[in-house]
Amino acid sequence: MASHNMTWISYPSKSQPFTSPEEIEAFIASQNIISRLMHCYIAFFVPTGLIAGICILIIFIKNHLQNKRGSLDLLLLHFTISNIIMIFFSFTVITRPDYLTANHLVCSVLSFFFNFGYFNSQYVFILTLLTLLLERFPPETALCKATQRPILCVGIVLTYTFCLSLTEALLLGTDNYQLEADCQLDPLFAWPEYEIVKFTFGFGIPSLLQILCFTVLWAKEGPAGGAASQQHIRTYPAMYAISVTIFICRLFYNIMILFRTTLKLQRSIGTTKNELVMNIAEIVLFCESCASLVVILCFHKPCKDEVLKVIQKCRRETSANNHLEIPETATTHPSGPQ
């Protein structure tokens, strides 16, 4: 693949001269919008996502120690860890409307680990759907036997996502590592092939696989009875909600990624409005990680049952404390003459 010279590209807010009052007003408005969105995300979504993720980790680890383990829970645990990592990477938006300043090497390393979490969460979720799907087939099939070894399946996913992330890191370019740049997790100076590969393997193929899995789940009846089958059926609402959340948030983000590729191929840096929408799409992508963790906590039955137990226990303790705080007053009735 031929090397690309991407040193010409820059953010419109950093390079365009603003001469007319309308351009200045539009620039200030876009900066205010992205700043407010960033503060809303950090204030509401990040704490909610992290609290939900920590609760899920505690519940799954507790169930594992009590030997209430299952392949589905192990996959969802892996999915949870991936999304928590994504949330930690989202702290890079704290500088918005400005950007992190780093050389190309540091930015490439950040991008590699971000893409590892991005691809990993997507494909682990597909593996979870595949596990649910194969419950509807005879257990003697080869794929069913493979999904009964979740650690092996997770290892395959990790290897695959590592290769994808390494490919993306190479598509950032191997030159100019010493140059300083404004850094995003999907760097602006990446080659156009970077966005194309990310859209294909990070959204296009996974979305088709999700649609295929859900289509077969709806079309094929599962075996009657069975505790594992019933547990998986109760997991379906969480899977539906997570799938819709992932599709909507990543669709918006990947559309903007492809639009940025179009600008690169036209050797255009775009406008401040394009930059604003790309920043919004990045925050929406991080909101997806927070929302997915909340969905697991609220809809996945083992997690939901534990949450309900804690709520009921708190209610009983509150009612008991209120009962103890009621003062007991002894009333004396004076006796009159007989």
Foldseek 3Di string as FASTA:
>chain_A
DDFDDLPLAAAQLVDPDDDDPVQVVVLVVLQVVLQVLLVCCVVPLLVLLVVLLVLLLVLLVVCVVVVVDALLSVLVNQLSVLLNVLSVLVCQSNPPVAFDKDFQVVLLVLLLVNQLSLLLNLVSLLLSLVQLLCLQDDCVDPVNVVSRPNVVVSVVSSVVSNVLSVVLSVQLDDPRRVDMGRHDSNGLSGALVSLVSCCVSRPVVSLVSVVVSVVSVVVGDGDPDDPVNVLSVLCVVLSVVLSVLQNVLVVQQSVLSNVSSVCVVVVHNDHSVSVSSNSVSSSSNSSSSSVSSVSCCCRNVSNVVVVVVVVVVVVVVVVVVVVVPPDDDDDDDDDDDD
